[in-house]
């Protein structure tokens, strides 16, 4: 028996069921699953964590978890990929003749780009969990074309020009190395979240300064 809140008759097919989820709601569910997964991974390890436990933490079934993610390790992908489009947009808007660090300065105070302490703890796990490491590296691999497209657009170069791809690879590697460097040497919240975020922002600024000459 379906409750009144669950019943919904679609005009097209006349079928009874829940209304379809919006893309925004789907993204929100993915992020809820990601945060639940990382909490469990940190608390009890990846091997001891099951899809059922991740689903219970969010209030959904394991079947729903697997509908969104193929493996338990991939559940954390939304946390790793946060900020990719924001970075690409910033690269498109980077004004000629202006320092790269200046273009990014407005981002270092936003949650959309700087990963929180849960992501730092998750990155520390990637050193001993090959499945998580693979997801982290794959996320960066998939970010590179977005960065290359943005840099090509900024430079007025065709999409098949190799230079934006090389610039994107340099920038991508620098950002990944900076975040890892920060995470690996920040073993806990003893310094406080504000100090940790400030340290991460400073590390990212250094990374941008190192690659700026090559980006041109």
C-alpha atoms as a PDB file:
ATOM      1  CA  UNK A   1       0.000   0.000   0.000  1.00  0.00           C
ATOM      2  CA  UNK A   2       1.372   3.404  -0.973  1.00  0.00           C
ATOM      3  CA  UNK A   3       0.903   6.462   1.208  1.00  0.00           C
ATOM      4  CA  UNK A   4      -0.501   9.684  -0.190  1.00  0.00           C
ATOM      5  CA  UNK A   5       2.915  11.323   0.010  1.00  0.00           C
ATOM      6  CA  UNK A   6       4.511   8.503  -2.001  1.00  0.00           C
ATOM      7  CA  UNK A   7       1.859   8.334  -4.700  1.00  0.00           C
ATOM      8  CA  UNK A   8       2.311  10.361  -7.840  1.00  0.00           C
ATOM      9  CA  UNK A   9       0.571   9.913 -11.182  1.00  0.00           C
ATOM     10  CA  UNK A  10       2.686  11.012 -14.124  1.00  0.00           C
ATOM     11  CA  UNK A  11       0.857  12.752 -16.935  1.00  0.00           C
ATOM     12  CA  UNK A  12       2.895  11.095 -19.669  1.00  0.00           C
ATOM     13  CA  UNK A  13       2.640   7.440 -18.730  1.00  0.00           C
ATOM     14  CA  UNK A  14      -0.072   7.407 -16.130  1.00  0.00           C
ATOM     15  CA  UNK A  15       2.152   5.404 -13.796  1.00  0.00           C
ATOM     16  CA  UNK A  16       2.026   5.645 -10.043  1.00  0.00           C
ATOM     17  CA  UNK A  17       5.246   6.365  -8.160  1.00  0.00           C
ATOM     18  CA  UNK A  18       7.490   9.015  -6.682  1.00  0.00           C
ATOM     19  CA  UNK A  19       8.187  12.145  -8.712  1.00  0.00           C
ATOM     20  CA  UNK A  20      11.619  12.055 -10.391  1.00  0.00           C
ATOM     21  CA  UNK A  21      14.518  13.552  -8.452  1.00  0.00           C
ATOM     22  CA  UNK A  22      15.981  16.812  -9.685  1.00  0.00           C
ATOM     23  CA  UNK A  23      19.663  16.950 -10.606  1.00  0.00           C
ATOM     24  CA  UNK A  24      20.230  19.179  -7.571  1.00  0.00           C
ATOM     25  CA  UNK A  25      18.693  16.575  -5.270  1.00  0.00           C
ATOM     26  CA  UNK A  26      20.695  13.784  -6.875  1.00  0.00           C
ATOM     27  CA  UNK A  27      23.885  15.801  -6.306  1.00  0.00           C
ATOM     28  CA  UNK A  28      22.873  16.382  -2.690  1.00  0.00           C
ATOM     29  CA  UNK A  29      22.295  12.641  -2.150  1.00  0.00           C
ATOM     30  CA  UNK A  30      25.695  11.856  -3.682  1.00  0.00           C
ATOM     31  CA  UNK A  31      27.347  14.297  -1.299  1.00  0.00           C
ATOM     32  CA  UNK A  32      25.456  12.870   1.705  1.00  0.00           C
ATOM     33  CA  UNK A  33      26.642   9.390   0.762  1.00  0.00           C
ATOM     34  CA  UNK A  34      30.200  10.684   0.281  1.00  0.00           C
ATOM     35  CA  UNK A  35      30.331  12.295   3.711  1.00  0.00           C
ATOM     36  CA  UNK A  36      28.871   9.209   5.374  1.00  0.00           C
ATOM     37  CA  UNK A  37      31.402   6.989   3.597  1.00  0.00           C
ATOM     38  CA  UNK A  38      34.395   9.100   4.584  1.00  0.00           C
ATOM     39  CA  UNK A  39      33.254   9.205   8.212  1.00  0.00           C
ATOM     40  CA  UNK A  40      32.996   5.411   8.277  1.00  0.00           C
ATOM     41  CA  UNK A  41      36.303   4.928   6.442  1.00  0.00           C
ATOM     42  CA  UNK A  42      38.092   7.151   8.948  1.00  0.00           C
ATOM     43  CA  UNK A  43      36.387   5.566  11.961  1.00  0.00           C
ATOM     44  CA  UNK A  44      36.714   1.874  11.089  1.00  0.00           C
ATOM     45  CA  UNK A  45      38.686   1.522   7.869  1.00  0.00           C
ATOM     46  CA  UNK A  46      37.655   0.793   4.315  1.00  0.00           C
ATOM     47  CA  UNK A  47      37.698  -3.007   4.607  1.00  0.00           C
ATOM     48  CA  UNK A  48      35.313  -3.003   7.586  1.00  0.00           C
ATOM     49  CA  UNK A  49      32.833  -0.634   5.926  1.00  0.00           C
ATOM     50  CA  UNK A  50      29.913  -2.013   3.926  1.00  0.00           C
ATOM     51  CA  UNK A  51      27.451  -0.470   1.516  1.00  0.00           C
ATOM     52  CA  UNK A  52      24.701  -1.272   3.996  1.00  0.00           C
ATOM     53  CA  UNK A  53      26.447   0.776   6.688  1.00  0.00           C
ATOM     54  CA  UNK A  54      26.927   3.712   4.334  1.00  0.00           C
ATOM     55  CA  UNK A  55      23.270   3.600   3.371  1.00  0.00           C
ATOM     56  CA  UNK A  56      22.105   3.367   6.982  1.00  0.00           C
ATOM     57  CA  UNK A  57      24.152   6.449   7.868  1.00  0.00           C
ATOM     58  CA  UNK A  58      22.312   8.409   5.187  1.00  0.00           C
ATOM     59  CA  UNK A  59      18.909   6.795   5.626  1.00  0.00           C
ATOM     60  CA  UNK A  60      18.834   4.978   2.283  1.00  0.00           C
ATOM     61  CA  UNK A  61      19.207   1.367   1.207  1.00  0.00           C
ATOM     62  CA  UNK A  62      22.433  -0.224   0.038  1.00  0.00           C
ATOM     63  CA  UNK A  63      20.729  -0.602  -3.335  1.00  0.00           C
ATOM     64  CA  UNK A  64      20.444   3.189  -3.530  1.00  0.00           C
ATOM     65  CA  UNK A  65      24.125   3.572  -2.662  1.00  0.00           C
ATOM     66  CA  UNK A  66      25.074   1.243  -5.538  1.00  0.00           C
ATOM     67  CA  UNK A  67      22.743   3.100  -7.874  1.00  0.00           C
ATOM     68  CA  UNK A  68      24.897   6.184  -7.416  1.00  0.00           C
ATOM     69  CA  UNK A  69      28.328   4.570  -7.026  1.00  0.00           C
ATOM     70  CA  UNK A  70      29.849   1.347  -8.428  1.00  0.00           C
ATOM     71  CA  UNK A  71      32.096   0.658  -5.411  1.00  0.00           C
ATOM     72  CA  UNK A  72      32.326   1.782  -1.798  1.00  0.00           C
ATOM     73  CA  UNK A  73      35.631   3.555  -2.502  1.00  0.00           C
ATOM     74  CA  UNK A  74      34.041   5.574  -5.308  1.00  0.00           C
ATOM     75  CA  UNK A  75      31.461   6.917  -2.849  1.00  0.00           C
ATOM     76  CA  UNK A  76      33.972   9.592  -1.800  1.00  0.00           C
ATOM     77  CA  UNK A  77      34.419  10.948  -5.322  1.00  0.00           C
ATOM     78  CA  UNK A  78      32.122  14.000  -4.857  1.00  0.00           C
ATOM     79  CA  UNK A  79      34.383  15.234  -2.061  1.00  0.00           C
ATOM     80  CA  UNK A  80      37.451  14.872  -4.271  1.00  0.00           C
ATOM     81  CA  UNK A  81      35.871  16.563  -7.281  1.00  0.00           C
ATOM     82  CA  UNK A  82      34.458  19.578  -5.426  1.00  0.00           C
ATOM     83  CA  UNK A  83      35.708  22.792  -6.975  1.00  0.00           C
ATOM     84  CA  UNK A  84      36.813  21.492 -10.388  1.00  0.00           C
ATOM     85  CA  UNK A  85      34.307  23.593 -12.348  1.00  0.00           C
ATOM     86  CA  UNK A  86      34.985  26.613 -10.121  1.00  0.00           C
ATOM     87  CA  UNK A  87      38.696  26.344 -10.918  1.00  0.00           C
ATOM     88  CA  UNK A  88      37.965  26.012 -14.649  1.00  0.00           C
ATOM     89  CA  UNK A  89      35.765  29.127 -14.544  1.00  0.00           C
ATOM     90  CA  UNK A  90      38.515  31.019 -12.717  1.00  0.00           C
ATOM     91  CA  UNK A  91      41.020  30.055 -15.425  1.00  0.00           C
ATOM     92  CA  UNK A  92      38.693  31.383 -18.138  1.00  0.00           C
ATOM     93  CA  UNK A  93      38.381  34.678 -16.270  1.00  0.00           C
ATOM     94  CA  UNK A  94      42.121  35.007 -15.544  1.00  0.00           C
ATOM     95  CA  UNK A  95      43.027  38.349 -17.127  1.00  0.00           C
ATOM     96  CA  UNK A  96      46.061  38.541 -19.421  1.00  0.00           C
ATOM     97  CA  UNK A  97      49.068  40.072 -17.737  1.00  0.00           C
ATOM     98  CA  UNK A  98      47.757  39.452 -14.222  1.00  0.00           C
ATOM     99  CA  UNK A  99      49.385  37.013 -11.749  1.00  0.00           C
ATOM    100  CA  UNK A 100      47.811  33.566 -11.575  1.00  0.00           C
ATOM    101  CA  UNK A 101      47.731  33.763  -7.774  1.00  0.00           C
ATOM    102  CA  UNK A 102      45.651  36.940  -8.003  1.00  0.00           C
ATOM    103  CA  UNK A 103      43.046  35.164 -10.124  1.00  0.00           C
ATOM    104  CA  UNK A 104      42.656  32.487  -7.457  1.00  0.00           C
ATOM    105  CA  UNK A 105      42.819  34.694  -4.355  1.00  0.00           C
ATOM    106  CA  UNK A 106      39.048  34.981  -4.048  1.00  0.00           C
ATOM    107  CA  UNK A 107      38.698  31.188  -3.903  1.00  0.00           C
ATOM    108  CA  UNK A 108      40.747  30.476  -0.815  1.00  0.00           C
ATOM    109  CA  UNK A 109      37.964  31.524   1.543  1.00  0.00           C
ATOM    110  CA  UNK A 110      35.237  29.407  -0.070  1.00  0.00           C
ATOM    111  CA  UNK A 111      34.052  25.956   0.957  1.00  0.00           C
ATOM    112  CA  UNK A 112      33.534  25.151  -2.727  1.00  0.00           C
ATOM    113  CA  UNK A 113      37.267  24.837  -3.386  1.00  0.00           C
ATOM    114  CA  UNK A 114      39.228  24.303  -0.185  1.00  0.00           C
ATOM    115  CA  UNK A 115      38.734  20.748   1.085  1.00  0.00           C
ATOM    116  CA  UNK A 116      37.736  20.393   4.729  1.00  0.00           C
ATOM    117  CA  UNK A 117      39.382  18.300   7.451  1.00  0.00           C
ATOM    118  CA  UNK A 118      37.408  15.215   6.432  1.00  0.00           C
ATOM    119  CA  UNK A 119      39.022  15.317   2.998  1.00  0.00           C
ATOM    120  CA  UNK A 120      42.435  15.775   4.600  1.00  0.00           C
ATOM    121  CA  UNK A 121      41.895  12.661   6.702  1.00  0.00           C
ATOM    122  CA  UNK A 122      40.624  10.833   3.630  1.00  0.00           C
ATOM    123  CA  UNK A 123      43.744  11.789   1.668  1.00  0.00           C
ATOM    124  CA  UNK A 124      45.912  10.379   4.424  1.00  0.00           C
ATOM    125  CA  UNK A 125      44.047   7.098   3.964  1.00  0.00           C
ATOM    126  CA  UNK A 126      44.918   7.075   0.254  1.00  0.00           C
ATOM    127  CA  UNK A 127      48.520   6.277   1.195  1.00  0.00           C
ATOM    128  CA  UNK A 128      47.472   2.839   2.469  1.00  0.00           C
ATOM    129  CA  UNK A 129      44.210   2.224   0.575  1.00  0.00           C
ATOM    130  CA  UNK A 130      44.845   1.575  -3.157  1.00  0.00           C
ATOM    131  CA  UNK A 131      41.133   1.803  -3.982  1.00  0.00           C
ATOM    132  CA  UNK A 132      40.862   5.292  -2.539  1.00  0.00           C
ATOM    133  CA  UNK A 133      44.127   6.312  -4.188  1.00  0.00           C
ATOM    134  CA  UNK A 134      42.750   5.218  -7.547  1.00  0.00           C
ATOM    135  CA  UNK A 135      39.608   7.340  -7.075  1.00  0.00           C
ATOM    136  CA  UNK A 136      41.715  10.376  -6.072  1.00  0.00           C
ATOM    137  CA  UNK A 137      43.985  10.069  -9.111  1.00  0.00           C
ATOM    138  CA  UNK A 138      41.086   9.380 -11.467  1.00  0.00           C
ATOM    139  CA  UNK A 139      39.334  12.528 -10.272  1.00  0.00           C
ATOM    140  CA  UNK A 140      42.376  14.603 -11.168  1.00  0.00           C
ATOM    141  CA  UNK A 141      42.750  12.803 -14.473  1.00  0.00           C
ATOM    142  CA  UNK A 142      39.155  13.729 -15.352  1.00  0.00           C
ATOM    143  CA  UNK A 143      39.683  17.348 -14.232  1.00  0.00           C
ATOM    144  CA  UNK A 144      42.533  17.932 -16.673  1.00  0.00           C
ATOM    145  CA  UNK A 145      40.404  18.281 -19.861  1.00  0.00           C
ATOM    146  CA  UNK A 146      38.228  20.886 -18.113  1.00  0.00           C
ATOM    147  CA  UNK A 147      41.318  22.892 -17.186  1.00  0.00           C
ATOM    148  CA  UNK A 148      42.774  22.498 -20.679  1.00  0.00           C
ATOM    149  CA  UNK A 149      39.549  23.687 -22.306  1.00  0.00           C
ATOM    150  CA  UNK A 150      39.454  26.747 -20.052  1.00  0.00           C
ATOM    151  CA  UNK A 151      43.086  27.616 -20.741  1.00  0.00           C
ATOM    152  CA  UNK A 152      42.615  27.159 -24.495  1.00  0.00           C
ATOM    153  CA  UNK A 153      39.598  29.468 -24.404  1.00  0.00           C
ATOM    154  CA  UNK A 154      41.549  32.058 -22.422  1.00  0.00           C
ATOM    155  CA  UNK A 155      44.508  31.937 -24.836  1.00  0.00           C
ATOM    156  CA  UNK A 156      42.341  31.879 -27.956  1.00  0.00           C
ATOM    157  CA  UNK A 157      43.843  28.575 -29.067  1.00  0.00           C
ATOM    158  CA  UNK A 158      42.082  25.721 -30.891  1.00  0.00           C
ATOM    159  CA  UNK A 159      40.930  22.738 -28.869  1.00  0.00           C
ATOM    160  CA  UNK A 160      43.508  20.441 -30.508  1.00  0.00           C
ATOM    161  CA  UNK A 161      46.493  22.651 -29.601  1.00  0.00           C
ATOM    162  CA  UNK A 162      48.845  20.750 -27.304  1.00  0.00           C
ATOM    163  CA  UNK A 163      49.894  23.756 -25.219  1.00  0.00           C
ATOM    164  CA  UNK A 164      46.705  24.084 -23.135  1.00  0.00           C
ATOM    165  CA  UNK A 165      46.867  20.345 -22.389  1.00  0.00           C
ATOM    166  CA  UNK A 166      50.415  20.734 -21.096  1.00  0.00           C
ATOM    167  CA  UNK A 167      49.529  23.834 -19.067  1.00  0.00           C
ATOM    168  CA  UNK A 168      46.546  21.974 -17.600  1.00  0.00           C
ATOM    169  CA  UNK A 169      48.733  19.003 -16.677  1.00  0.00           C
ATOM    170  CA  UNK A 170      51.190  21.323 -14.909  1.00  0.00           C
ATOM    171  CA  UNK A 171      48.448  23.115 -12.999  1.00  0.00           C
ATOM    172  CA  UNK A 172      46.633  19.893 -12.129  1.00  0.00           C
ATOM    173  CA  UNK A 173      49.788  18.239 -10.804  1.00  0.00           C
ATOM    174  CA  UNK A 174      50.672  21.328  -8.780  1.00  0.00           C
ATOM    175  CA  UNK A 175      47.241  21.537  -7.145  1.00  0.00           C
ATOM    176  CA  UNK A 176      47.227  17.809  -6.345  1.00  0.00           C
ATOM    177  CA  UNK A 177      50.741  17.919  -4.896  1.00  0.00           C
ATOM    178  CA  UNK A 178      49.883  20.963  -2.777  1.00  0.00           C
ATOM    179  CA  UNK A 179      46.738  19.403  -1.300  1.00  0.00           C
ATOM    180  CA  UNK A 180      48.550  16.136  -0.599  1.00  0.00           C
ATOM    181  CA  UNK A 181      51.506  17.943   0.972  1.00  0.00           C
ATOM    182  CA  UNK A 182      49.133  19.801   3.292  1.00  0.00           C
ATOM    183  CA  UNK A 183      47.099  16.698   4.163  1.00  0.00           C
ATOM    184  CA  UNK A 184      50.071  14.429   4.802  1.00  0.00           C
ATOM    185  CA  UNK A 185      51.716  16.789   7.269  1.00  0.00           C
ATOM    186  CA  UNK A 186      48.480  17.781   9.030  1.00  0.00           C
ATOM    187  CA  UNK A 187      47.750  14.756  11.165  1.00  0.00           C
ATOM    188  CA  UNK A 188      44.854  16.165  13.134  1.00  0.00           C
ATOM    189  CA  UNK A 189      42.743  19.192  14.077  1.00  0.00           C
ATOM    190  CA  UNK A 190      45.072  20.309  16.902  1.00  0.00           C
ATOM    191  CA  UNK A 191      45.920  23.531  15.085  1.00  0.00           C
ATOM    192  CA  UNK A 192      42.240  24.318  14.620  1.00  0.00           C
ATOM    193  CA  UNK A 193      40.212  24.425  11.373  1.00  0.00           C
ATOM    194  CA  UNK A 194      40.949  28.107  10.685  1.00  0.00           C
ATOM    195  CA  UNK A 195      44.709  27.611  10.955  1.00  0.00           C
ATOM    196  CA  UNK A 196      44.531  24.463   8.824  1.00  0.00           C
ATOM    197  CA  UNK A 197      42.605  26.274   6.089  1.00  0.00           C
ATOM    198  CA  UNK A 198      45.089  29.151   6.179  1.00  0.00           C
ATOM    199  CA  UNK A 199      47.981  26.696   5.824  1.00  0.00           C
ATOM    200  CA  UNK A 200      46.284  24.958   2.904  1.00  0.00           C
ATOM    201  CA  UNK A 201      45.624  28.280   1.163  1.00  0.00           C
ATOM    202  CA  UNK A 202      49.276  29.280   1.626  1.00  0.00           C
ATOM    203  CA  UNK A 203      50.435  25.922   0.225  1.00  0.00           C
ATOM    204  CA  UNK A 204      48.188  26.317  -2.821  1.00  0.00           C
ATOM    205  CA  UNK A 205      49.482  29.858  -3.414  1.00  0.00           C
ATOM    206  CA  UNK A 206      53.018  28.491  -3.390  1.00  0.00           C
ATOM    207  CA  UNK A 207      52.062  25.810  -5.898  1.00  0.00           C
ATOM    208  CA  UNK A 208      50.543  28.401  -8.223  1.00  0.00           C
ATOM    209  CA  UNK A 209      53.652  30.569  -7.982  1.00  0.00           C
ATOM    210  CA  UNK A 210      55.840  27.609  -8.929  1.00  0.00           C
ATOM    211  CA  UNK A 211      53.901  26.842 -12.122  1.00  0.00           C
ATOM    212  CA  UNK A 212      53.011  30.409 -13.148  1.00  0.00           C
ATOM    213  CA  UNK A 213      56.079  30.960 -15.304  1.00  0.00           C
ATOM    214  CA  UNK A 214      55.320  27.817 -17.258  1.00  0.00           C
ATOM    215  CA  UNK A 215      51.673  28.737 -17.774  1.00  0.00           C
ATOM    216  CA  UNK A 216      52.670  32.143 -19.166  1.00  0.00           C
END
